[in-house]
Amino acid sequence: MVNQTEIKDNRVLAIIAAVAGILCFTILPFASMRAMDAVLKGAALKLQVTGNPMLASAPKIVITFWPLWGGLSMAAGVALLYIAWVLHKGEHWARPMAIGLLAIPSITGAYFAGPIIFFDKSAILYFLIISFIGLVPYFTILLWGHAPAGEKWRKFLIFLLLGVVAAWSFSNGGSALRMFMARSDPYGLTTGHYGFLFGIPVVWIGVLLTIVSIPLLAAYSQRGRRLAVVGLMITLVGSALLFVTNPATTEFLIGMVLVSVNLVLLMIPSIGGRLVREKTNA
């Protein structure tokens, strides 16, 4: 017989997932459009004032990747409506899946933060709206229920860093592409340019694997932990390639530090290992 508390929890989590899903394909796209418009105008003004040629390709990056992440968030929102129904029925796989889907708008908000802050701080409200649509239900569903405080802190830290690393590393790939596109000689490639060409796809492959690992790790799966470790290792190698060939860009170094911290925490048995073992022993 299903516990009444479990039924109530499933109902609450289903409502949270459904509301988040609706917001992902109603409010989020309009906030993304407004933020994108502000960033594009801010980039044009900043380029005019500074004359920095490295900013010339920024609008192309925004136009290419912002709709991609906005579209992914909208698709995640639609999927969340179905997941909410499955959550209400009490299917155990639905909760990790909801966490994985909510990671997408969370990462989207974090990815949008950099350009908004750099080009037009007045659009910070849109960044907050997008971030809260993802982050609030993401951590609510992740941490819901009775558990020791230590377990909840481990989960909060690991899953926060996974999202931060994914957003920062994808952004670094976009920055590298922006700098490569702004090169003065289209036919002459330097060591730094080759670093961009080979580092960008490696970083983005690592980011993809890291994102895929989130719902698996949320399900206390050993495969999820292993996939997260592999994704982070690939991201670290790609970030290192970007930094070694372009050492003046501190964002690449920060990306390496973030990935390394996340990787170490996941590999420590008393932290990352407990995310798997606690469920297995239950």
C-alpha atoms as a PDB file:
ATOM      1  CA  MET A   1       0.000   0.000   0.000  1.00  0.00           C
ATOM      2  CA  VAL A   2       1.332   3.435  -0.933  1.00  0.00           C
ATOM      3  CA  ASN A   3       2.149   5.692   2.018  1.00  0.00           C
ATOM      4  CA  GLN A   4      -0.184   8.697   2.313  1.00  0.00           C
ATOM      5  CA  THR A   5       2.813  11.010   2.790  1.00  0.00           C
ATOM      6  CA  GLU A   6       4.309   9.695  -0.438  1.00  0.00           C
ATOM      7  CA  ILE A   7       1.031  10.332  -2.278  1.00  0.00           C
ATOM      8  CA  LYS A   8       0.955  13.895  -0.961  1.00  0.00           C
ATOM      9  CA  ASP A   9       4.604  14.446  -1.914  1.00  0.00           C
ATOM     10  CA  ASN A  10       3.982  13.128  -5.419  1.00  0.00           C
ATOM     11  CA  ARG A  11       1.055  15.495  -5.804  1.00  0.00           C
ATOM     12  CA  VAL A  12       3.091  18.521  -4.682  1.00  0.00           C
ATOM     13  CA  LEU A  13       6.055  17.623  -6.895  1.00  0.00           C
ATOM     14  CA  ALA A  14       3.710  17.106  -9.850  1.00  0.00           C
ATOM     15  CA  ILE A  15       2.234  20.579  -9.357  1.00  0.00           C
ATOM     16  CA  ILE A  16       5.717  22.128  -9.132  1.00  0.00           C
ATOM     17  CA  ALA A  17       6.831  20.363 -12.321  1.00  0.00           C
ATOM     18  CA  ALA A  18       3.661  21.341 -14.187  1.00  0.00           C
ATOM     19  CA  VAL A  19       3.863  25.017 -13.191  1.00  0.00           C
ATOM     20  CA  ALA A  20       7.558  25.133 -14.102  1.00  0.00           C
ATOM     21  CA  GLY A  21       6.799  23.482 -17.431  1.00  0.00           C
ATOM     22  CA  ILE A  22       4.107  26.018 -18.300  1.00  0.00           C
ATOM     23  CA  LEU A  23       6.404  28.911 -17.390  1.00  0.00           C
ATOM     24  CA  CYS A  24       9.147  27.428 -19.603  1.00  0.00           C
ATOM     25  CA  PHE A  25       7.093  27.784 -22.783  1.00  0.00           C
ATOM     26  CA  THR A  26       5.104  30.906 -21.871  1.00  0.00           C
ATOM     27  CA  ILE A  27       7.094  33.388 -19.785  1.00  0.00           C
ATOM     28  CA  LEU A  28      10.635  32.182 -20.492  1.00  0.00           C
ATOM     29  CA  PRO A  29      10.659  32.754 -24.285  1.00  0.00           C
ATOM     30  CA  PHE A  30       9.397  36.326 -23.914  1.00  0.00           C
ATOM     31  CA  ALA A  31      12.004  37.046 -21.227  1.00  0.00           C
ATOM     32  CA  SER A  32      14.655  35.542 -23.515  1.00  0.00           C
ATOM     33  CA  MET A  33      13.543  37.728 -26.433  1.00  0.00           C
ATOM     34  CA  ARG A  34      13.656  40.892 -24.331  1.00  0.00           C
ATOM     35  CA  ALA A  35      17.066  39.989 -22.930  1.00  0.00           C
ATOM     36  CA  MET A  36      18.379  39.134 -26.391  1.00  0.00           C
ATOM     37  CA  ASP A  37      17.174  42.449 -27.777  1.00  0.00           C
ATOM     38  CA  ALA A  38      18.861  44.339 -24.936  1.00  0.00           C
ATOM     39  CA  VAL A  39      22.136  42.439 -25.386  1.00  0.00           C
ATOM     40  CA  LEU A  40      22.232  43.012 -29.147  1.00  0.00           C
ATOM     41  CA  LYS A  41      21.641  46.741 -28.726  1.00  0.00           C
ATOM     42  CA  GLY A  42      24.181  46.893 -25.917  1.00  0.00           C
ATOM     43  CA  ALA A  43      26.763  45.067 -28.031  1.00  0.00           C
ATOM     44  CA  ALA A  44      26.282  47.502 -30.924  1.00  0.00           C
ATOM     45  CA  LEU A  45      26.723  50.469 -28.574  1.00  0.00           C
ATOM     46  CA  LYS A  46      29.765  48.991 -26.855  1.00  0.00           C
ATOM     47  CA  LEU A  47      31.425  48.207 -30.180  1.00  0.00           C
ATOM     48  CA  GLN A  48      30.797  51.766 -31.330  1.00  0.00           C
ATOM     49  CA  VAL A  49      32.259  53.249 -28.134  1.00  0.00           C
ATOM     50  CA  THR A  50      35.261  50.946 -27.668  1.00  0.00           C
ATOM     51  CA  GLY A  51      36.007  49.977 -31.254  1.00  0.00           C
ATOM     52  CA  ASN A  52      37.110  46.572 -29.955  1.00  0.00           C
ATOM     53  CA  PRO A  53      37.177  44.234 -32.978  1.00  0.00           C
ATOM     54  CA  MET A  54      36.762  41.215 -30.699  1.00  0.00           C
ATOM     55  CA  LEU A  55      33.184  42.325 -30.036  1.00  0.00           C
ATOM     56  CA  ALA A  56      32.215  42.499 -33.705  1.00  0.00           C
ATOM     57  CA  SER A  57      31.151  38.855 -33.866  1.00  0.00           C
ATOM     58  CA  ALA A  58      29.279  38.907 -30.521  1.00  0.00           C
ATOM     59  CA  PRO A  59      25.838  39.519 -32.132  1.00  0.00           C
ATOM     60  CA  LYS A  60      26.320  36.452 -34.349  1.00  0.00           C
ATOM     61  CA  ILE A  61      27.015  34.282 -31.310  1.00  0.00           C
ATOM     62  CA  VAL A  62      23.954  35.649 -29.496  1.00  0.00           C
ATOM     63  CA  ILE A  63      21.666  35.166 -32.503  1.00  0.00           C
ATOM     64  CA  THR A  64      22.950  31.607 -32.979  1.00  0.00           C
ATOM     65  CA  PHE A  65      22.968  30.185 -29.471  1.00  0.00           C
ATOM     66  CA  TRP A  66      20.398  32.138 -27.457  1.00  0.00           C
ATOM     67  CA  PRO A  67      17.442  30.816 -29.506  1.00  0.00           C
ATOM     68  CA  LEU A  68      18.963  27.324 -29.214  1.00  0.00           C
ATOM     69  CA  TRP A  69      18.958  27.402 -25.419  1.00  0.00           C
ATOM     70  CA  GLY A  70      15.606  29.163 -25.322  1.00  0.00           C
ATOM     71  CA  GLY A  71      14.173  26.470 -27.592  1.00  0.00           C
ATOM     72  CA  LEU A  72      15.661  23.700 -25.461  1.00  0.00           C
ATOM     73  CA  SER A  73      14.046  25.277 -22.394  1.00  0.00           C
ATOM     74  CA  MET A  74      10.667  25.468 -24.128  1.00  0.00           C
ATOM     75  CA  ALA A  75      10.928  21.828 -25.199  1.00  0.00           C
ATOM     76  CA  ALA A  76      11.863  20.872 -21.640  1.00  0.00           C
ATOM     77  CA  GLY A  77       8.777  22.720 -20.437  1.00  0.00           C
ATOM     78  CA  VAL A  78       6.499  20.726 -22.715  1.00  0.00           C
ATOM     79  CA  ALA A  79       8.109  17.473 -21.566  1.00  0.00           C
ATOM     80  CA  LEU A  80       7.650  18.541 -17.927  1.00  0.00           C
ATOM     81  CA  LEU A  81       3.876  18.534 -18.384  1.00  0.00           C
ATOM     82  CA  TYR A  82       3.963  14.824 -19.171  1.00  0.00           C
ATOM     83  CA  ILE A  83       6.492  14.182 -16.407  1.00  0.00           C
ATOM     84  CA  ALA A  84       4.190  15.982 -13.954  1.00  0.00           C
ATOM     85  CA  TRP A  85       1.403  13.529 -14.788  1.00  0.00           C
ATOM     86  CA  VAL A  86       3.769  10.576 -14.323  1.00  0.00           C
ATOM     87  CA  LEU A  87       5.007  12.074 -11.042  1.00  0.00           C
ATOM     88  CA  HIS A  88       1.434  12.282  -9.824  1.00  0.00           C
ATOM     89  CA  LYS A  89       1.016   8.582 -10.588  1.00  0.00           C
ATOM     90  CA  GLY A  90       4.032   7.821  -8.381  1.00  0.00           C
ATOM     91  CA  GLU A  91       6.461   6.524 -11.022  1.00  0.00           C
ATOM     92  CA  HIS A  92       9.929   6.655  -9.420  1.00  0.00           C
ATOM     93  CA  TRP A  93      11.804   7.469 -12.628  1.00  0.00           C
ATOM     94  CA  ALA A  94       9.829  10.676 -13.139  1.00  0.00           C
ATOM     95  CA  ARG A  95      11.509  12.657 -10.356  1.00  0.00           C
ATOM     96  CA  PRO A  96      15.089  12.302 -11.714  1.00  0.00           C
ATOM     97  CA  MET A  97      13.761  13.047 -15.191  1.00  0.00           C
ATOM     98  CA  ALA A  98      12.090  16.236 -13.927  1.00  0.00           C
ATOM     99  CA  ILE A  99      15.385  17.295 -12.346  1.00  0.00           C
ATOM    100  CA  GLY A 100      17.199  16.673 -15.619  1.00  0.00           C
ATOM    101  CA  LEU A 101      14.662  18.682 -17.602  1.00  0.00           C
ATOM    102  CA  LEU A 102      14.725  21.560 -15.109  1.00  0.00           C
ATOM    103  CA  ALA A 103      18.505  21.671 -15.392  1.00  0.00           C
ATOM    104  CA  ILE A 104      18.050  23.004 -18.941  1.00  0.00           C
ATOM    105  CA  PRO A 105      16.339  26.341 -18.103  1.00  0.00           C
ATOM    106  CA  SER A 106      18.642  26.635 -15.072  1.00  0.00           C
ATOM    107  CA  ILE A 107      21.714  26.364 -17.310  1.00  0.00           C
ATOM    108  CA  THR A 108      20.068  28.657 -19.856  1.00  0.00           C
ATOM    109  CA  GLY A 109      19.684  31.402 -17.259  1.00  0.00           C
ATOM    110  CA  ALA A 110      23.290  31.009 -16.129  1.00  0.00           C
ATOM    111  CA  TYR A 111      24.519  31.084 -19.731  1.00  0.00           C
ATOM    112  CA  PHE A 112      22.561  34.272 -20.460  1.00  0.00           C
ATOM    113  CA  ALA A 113      23.953  35.998 -17.353  1.00  0.00           C
ATOM    114  CA  GLY A 114      27.408  36.796 -18.765  1.00  0.00           C
ATOM    115  CA  PRO A 115      26.355  38.709 -21.897  1.00  0.00           C
ATOM    116  CA  ILE A 116      23.561  40.497 -20.023  1.00  0.00           C
ATOM    117  CA  ILE A 117      25.929  41.740 -17.328  1.00  0.00           C
ATOM    118  CA  PHE A 118      28.607  42.675 -19.866  1.00  0.00           C
ATOM    119  CA  PHE A 119      26.465  44.401 -22.483  1.00  0.00           C
ATOM    120  CA  ASP A 120      23.361  45.703 -20.691  1.00  0.00           C
ATOM    121  CA  LYS A 121      22.943  45.424 -16.926  1.00  0.00           C
ATOM    122  CA  SER A 122      19.475  46.981 -17.191  1.00  0.00           C
ATOM    123  CA  ALA A 123      18.255  43.629 -18.563  1.00  0.00           C
ATOM    124  CA  ILE A 124      19.253  41.790 -15.378  1.00  0.00           C
ATOM    125  CA  LEU A 125      15.582  41.301 -14.499  1.00  0.00           C
ATOM    126  CA  TYR A 126      15.121  39.014 -17.504  1.00  0.00           C
ATOM    127  CA  PHE A 127      18.109  36.927 -16.429  1.00  0.00           C
ATOM    128  CA  LEU A 128      16.607  36.579 -12.955  1.00  0.00           C
ATOM    129  CA  ILE A 129      13.223  35.529 -14.357  1.00  0.00           C
ATOM    130  CA  ILE A 130      14.775  32.848 -16.564  1.00  0.00           C
ATOM    131  CA  SER A 131      17.052  31.611 -13.786  1.00  0.00           C
ATOM    132  CA  PHE A 132      14.297  31.400 -11.175  1.00  0.00           C
ATOM    133  CA  ILE A 133      11.986  29.518 -13.554  1.00  0.00           C
ATOM    134  CA  GLY A 134      14.619  26.781 -13.693  1.00  0.00           C
ATOM    135  CA  LEU A 135      16.506  26.945 -10.401  1.00  0.00           C
ATOM    136  CA  VAL A 136      13.648  27.170  -7.908  1.00  0.00           C
ATOM    137  CA  PRO A 137      11.817  23.994  -9.047  1.00  0.00           C
ATOM    138  CA  TYR A 138      15.168  22.302  -9.841  1.00  0.00           C
ATOM    139  CA  PHE A 139      16.392  22.473  -6.262  1.00  0.00           C
ATOM    140  CA  THR A 140      12.921  22.083  -4.759  1.00  0.00           C
ATOM    141  CA  ILE A 141      12.345  18.730  -6.456  1.00  0.00           C
ATOM    142  CA  LEU A 142      15.969  17.664  -5.914  1.00  0.00           C
ATOM    143  CA  LEU A 143      15.940  18.323  -2.153  1.00  0.00           C
ATOM    144  CA  TRP A 144      12.294  17.512  -1.384  1.00  0.00           C
ATOM    145  CA  GLY A 145      11.637  15.004   1.352  1.00  0.00           C
ATOM    146  CA  HIS A 146      13.146  13.916   4.645  1.00  0.00           C
ATOM    147  CA  ALA A 147      16.883  13.277   4.564  1.00  0.00           C
ATOM    148  CA  PRO A 148      19.916  14.054   6.719  1.00  0.00           C
ATOM    149  CA  ALA A 149      21.221  17.607   6.349  1.00  0.00           C
ATOM    150  CA  GLY A 150      24.594  16.288   5.183  1.00  0.00           C
ATOM    151  CA  GLU A 151      22.987  14.405   2.293  1.00  0.00           C
ATOM    152  CA  LYS A 152      21.041  17.451   1.199  1.00  0.00           C
ATOM    153  CA  TRP A 153      24.134  19.663   1.295  1.00  0.00           C
ATOM    154  CA  ARG A 154      26.095  17.148  -0.787  1.00  0.00           C
ATOM    155  CA  LYS A 155      23.349  16.997  -3.372  1.00  0.00           C
ATOM    156  CA  PHE A 156      22.946  20.774  -3.444  1.00  0.00           C
ATOM    157  CA  LEU A 157      26.675  21.373  -3.949  1.00  0.00           C
ATOM    158  CA  ILE A 158      27.223  18.673  -6.574  1.00  0.00           C
ATOM    159  CA  PHE A 159      24.146  19.490  -8.651  1.00  0.00           C
ATOM    160  CA  LEU A 160      24.779  23.235  -8.395  1.00  0.00           C
ATOM    161  CA  LEU A 161      28.326  22.807  -9.677  1.00  0.00           C
ATOM    162  CA  LEU A 162      27.224  20.517 -12.515  1.00  0.00           C
ATOM    163  CA  GLY A 163      24.929  23.264 -13.800  1.00  0.00           C
ATOM    164  CA  VAL A 164      27.478  26.034 -13.265  1.00  0.00           C
ATOM    165  CA  VAL A 165      30.198  24.067 -15.033  1.00  0.00           C
ATOM    166  CA  ALA A 166      27.898  23.301 -17.974  1.00  0.00           C
ATOM    167  CA  ALA A 167      26.850  26.942 -18.368  1.00  0.00           C
ATOM    168  CA  TRP A 168      30.345  28.385 -17.898  1.00  0.00           C
ATOM    169  CA  SER A 169      32.020  25.875 -20.198  1.00  0.00           C
ATOM    170  CA  PHE A 170      29.449  26.266 -22.959  1.00  0.00           C
ATOM    171  CA  SER A 171      29.859  30.033 -22.648  1.00  0.00           C
ATOM    172  CA  ASN A 172      33.629  29.624 -22.938  1.00  0.00           C
ATOM    173  CA  GLY A 173      33.101  27.700 -26.156  1.00  0.00           C
ATOM    174  CA  GLY A 174      30.948  30.540 -27.453  1.00  0.00           C
ATOM    175  CA  SER A 175      33.554  33.135 -26.428  1.00  0.00           C
ATOM    176  CA  ALA A 176      36.259  31.121 -28.173  1.00  0.00           C
ATOM    177  CA  LEU A 177      34.137  30.953 -31.321  1.00  0.00           C
ATOM    178  CA  ARG A 178      33.509  34.713 -31.115  1.00  0.00           C
ATOM    179  CA  MET A 179      37.257  35.416 -30.898  1.00  0.00           C
ATOM    180  CA  PHE A 180      38.012  33.011 -33.729  1.00  0.00           C
ATOM    181  CA  MET A 181      35.409  34.648 -35.976  1.00  0.00           C
ATOM    182  CA  ALA A 182      36.899  38.077 -35.208  1.00  0.00           C
ATOM    183  CA  ARG A 183      40.380  37.159 -36.509  1.00  0.00           C
ATOM    184  CA  SER A 184      41.812  39.714 -38.933  1.00  0.00           C
ATOM    185  CA  ASP A 185      43.257  37.219 -41.414  1.00  0.00           C
ATOM    186  CA  PRO A 186      40.713  34.587 -42.489  1.00  0.00           C
ATOM    187  CA  TYR A 187      43.392  32.438 -44.143  1.00  0.00           C
ATOM    188  CA  GLY A 188      46.235  32.619 -41.629  1.00  0.00           C
ATOM    189  CA  LEU A 189      45.731  30.554 -38.478  1.00  0.00           C
ATOM    190  CA  THR A 190      47.860  30.920 -35.352  1.00  0.00           C
ATOM    191  CA  THR A 191      48.361  28.443 -32.517  1.00  0.00           C
ATOM    192  CA  GLY A 192      45.588  30.202 -30.612  1.00  0.00           C
ATOM    193  CA  HIS A 193      43.215  29.776 -33.544  1.00  0.00           C
ATOM    194  CA  TYR A 194      43.947  26.053 -33.725  1.00  0.00           C
ATOM    195  CA  GLY A 195      43.334  25.899 -29.984  1.00  0.00           C
ATOM    196  CA  PHE A 196      39.883  27.352 -30.622  1.00  0.00           C
ATOM    197  CA  LEU A 197      39.131  24.959 -33.462  1.00  0.00           C
ATOM    198  CA  PHE A 198      39.962  21.822 -31.493  1.00  0.00           C
ATOM    199  CA  GLY A 199      39.073  23.028 -28.009  1.00  0.00           C
ATOM    200  CA  ILE A 200      35.525  24.209 -28.749  1.00  0.00           C
ATOM    201  CA  PRO A 201      34.064  20.855 -29.896  1.00  0.00           C
ATOM    202  CA  VAL A 202      35.823  19.007 -27.062  1.00  0.00           C
ATOM    203  CA  VAL A 203      34.391  21.383 -24.454  1.00  0.00           C
ATOM    204  CA  TRP A 204      30.897  21.197 -25.904  1.00  0.00           C
ATOM    205  CA  ILE A 205      30.959  17.393 -26.052  1.00  0.00           C
ATOM    206  CA  GLY A 206      31.934  17.387 -22.381  1.00  0.00           C
ATOM    207  CA  VAL A 207      29.110  19.802 -21.581  1.00  0.00           C
ATOM    208  CA  LEU A 208      26.579  17.561 -23.360  1.00  0.00           C
ATOM    209  CA  LEU A 209      27.676  14.480 -21.423  1.00  0.00           C
ATOM    210  CA  THR A 210      27.614  16.426 -18.148  1.00  0.00           C
ATOM    211  CA  ILE A 211      24.033  17.562 -18.749  1.00  0.00           C
ATOM    212  CA  VAL A 212      22.926  14.037 -19.672  1.00  0.00           C
ATOM    213  CA  SER A 213      24.481  12.752 -16.437  1.00  0.00           C
ATOM    214  CA  ILE A 214      22.301  14.980 -14.229  1.00  0.00           C
ATOM    215  CA  PRO A 215      19.045  12.938 -14.327  1.00  0.00           C
ATOM    216  CA  LEU A 216      21.014   9.690 -14.052  1.00  0.00           C
ATOM    217  CA  LEU A 217      22.898  10.944 -11.007  1.00  0.00           C
ATOM    218  CA  ALA A 218      19.628  12.241  -9.547  1.00  0.00           C
ATOM    219  CA  ALA A 219      18.385   8.641  -9.791  1.00  0.00           C
ATOM    220  CA  TYR A 220      21.374   7.563  -7.631  1.00  0.00           C
ATOM    221  CA  SER A 221      22.793   5.669 -10.585  1.00  0.00           C
ATOM    222  CA  GLN A 222      26.447   4.654 -10.609  1.00  0.00           C
ATOM    223  CA  ARG A 223      26.311   5.118 -14.374  1.00  0.00           C
ATOM    224  CA  GLY A 224      25.263   8.719 -13.807  1.00  0.00           C
ATOM    225  CA  ARG A 225      28.254   9.360 -11.586  1.00  0.00           C
ATOM    226  CA  ARG A 226      30.614   7.736 -14.078  1.00  0.00           C
ATOM    227  CA  LEU A 227      29.105   9.671 -16.974  1.00  0.00           C
ATOM    228  CA  ALA A 228      29.449  12.922 -15.016  1.00  0.00           C
ATOM    229  CA  VAL A 229      33.107  12.145 -14.318  1.00  0.00           C
ATOM    230  CA  VAL A 230      33.768  11.373 -17.986  1.00  0.00           C
ATOM    231  CA  GLY A 231      31.920  14.506 -19.129  1.00  0.00           C
ATOM    232  CA  LEU A 232      33.866  16.675 -16.699  1.00  0.00           C
ATOM    233  CA  MET A 233      37.185  15.122 -17.722  1.00  0.00           C
ATOM    234  CA  ILE A 234      36.452  15.838 -21.384  1.00  0.00           C
ATOM    235  CA  THR A 235      35.412  19.397 -20.505  1.00  0.00           C
ATOM    236  CA  LEU A 236      38.624  19.843 -18.520  1.00  0.00           C
ATOM    237  CA  VAL A 237      40.788  18.714 -21.440  1.00  0.00           C
ATOM    238  CA  GLY A 238      38.966  21.040 -23.840  1.00  0.00           C
ATOM    239  CA  SER A 239      39.195  23.964 -21.393  1.00  0.00           C
ATOM    240  CA  ALA A 240      42.906  23.290 -20.874  1.00  0.00           C
ATOM    241  CA  LEU A 241      43.463  23.329 -24.637  1.00  0.00           C
ATOM    242  CA  LEU A 242      41.681  26.674 -24.911  1.00  0.00           C
ATOM    243  CA  PHE A 243      43.674  28.170 -22.039  1.00  0.00           C
ATOM    244  CA  VAL A 244      47.117  26.826 -22.998  1.00  0.00           C
ATOM    245  CA  THR A 245      46.784  28.192 -26.524  1.00  0.00           C
ATOM    246  CA  ASN A 246      45.147  31.439 -25.345  1.00  0.00           C
ATOM    247  CA  PRO A 247      46.594  32.104 -21.845  1.00  0.00           C
ATOM    248  CA  ALA A 248      45.446  35.750 -21.744  1.00  0.00           C
ATOM    249  CA  THR A 249      41.799  34.669 -21.446  1.00  0.00           C
ATOM    250  CA  THR A 250      41.171  34.140 -17.731  1.00  0.00           C
ATOM    251  CA  GLU A 251      37.657  32.765 -18.336  1.00  0.00           C
ATOM    252  CA  PHE A 252      39.230  29.565 -19.656  1.00  0.00           C
ATOM    253  CA  LEU A 253      41.327  29.221 -16.489  1.00  0.00           C
ATOM    254  CA  ILE A 254      38.275  29.800 -14.285  1.00  0.00           C
ATOM    255  CA  GLY A 255      36.478  27.112 -16.278  1.00  0.00           C
ATOM    256  CA  MET A 256      39.308  24.674 -15.558  1.00  0.00           C
ATOM    257  CA  VAL A 257      39.121  25.451 -11.833  1.00  0.00           C
ATOM    258  CA  LEU A 258      35.332  24.956 -11.713  1.00  0.00           C
ATOM    259  CA  VAL A 259      35.545  21.663 -13.576  1.00  0.00           C
ATOM    260  CA  SER A 260      38.392  20.433 -11.370  1.00  0.00           C
ATOM    261  CA  VAL A 261      36.511  21.221  -8.148  1.00  0.00           C
ATOM    262  CA  ASN A 262      33.382  19.462  -9.409  1.00  0.00           C
ATOM    263  CA  LEU A 263      35.430  16.481 -10.562  1.00  0.00           C
ATOM    264  CA  VAL A 264      37.220  16.112  -7.232  1.00  0.00           C
ATOM    265  CA  LEU A 265      33.971  16.311  -5.250  1.00  0.00           C
ATOM    266  CA  LEU A 266      32.355  13.650  -7.419  1.00  0.00           C
ATOM    267  CA  MET A 267      35.324  11.300  -7.005  1.00  0.00           C
ATOM    268  CA  ILE A 268      35.557  11.659  -3.215  1.00  0.00           C
ATOM    269  CA  PRO A 269      33.778   8.589  -1.772  1.00  0.00           C
ATOM    270  CA  SER A 270      32.348  10.514   1.182  1.00  0.00           C
ATOM    271  CA  ILE A 271      30.774  13.120  -1.127  1.00  0.00           C
ATOM    272  CA  GLY A 272      30.178  11.969  -4.692  1.00  0.00           C
ATOM    273  CA  GLY A 273      30.210   8.297  -3.723  1.00  0.00           C
ATOM    274  CA  ARG A 274      27.441   8.786  -1.166  1.00  0.00           C
ATOM    275  CA  LEU A 275      25.069  10.019  -3.872  1.00  0.00           C
ATOM    276  CA  VAL A 276      25.049   6.473  -5.203  1.00  0.00           C
ATOM    277  CA  ARG A 277      25.585   4.346  -2.123  1.00  0.00           C
ATOM    278  CA  GLU A 278      22.857   5.888   0.040  1.00  0.00           C
ATOM    279  CA  LYS A 279      20.094   4.853  -2.386  1.00  0.00           C
ATOM    280  CA  THR A 280      21.628   1.442  -3.012  1.00  0.00           C
ATOM    281  CA  ASN A 281      21.618   0.627   0.691  1.00  0.00           C
ATOM    282  CA  ALA A 282      18.057   1.847   1.205  1.00  0.00           C
END
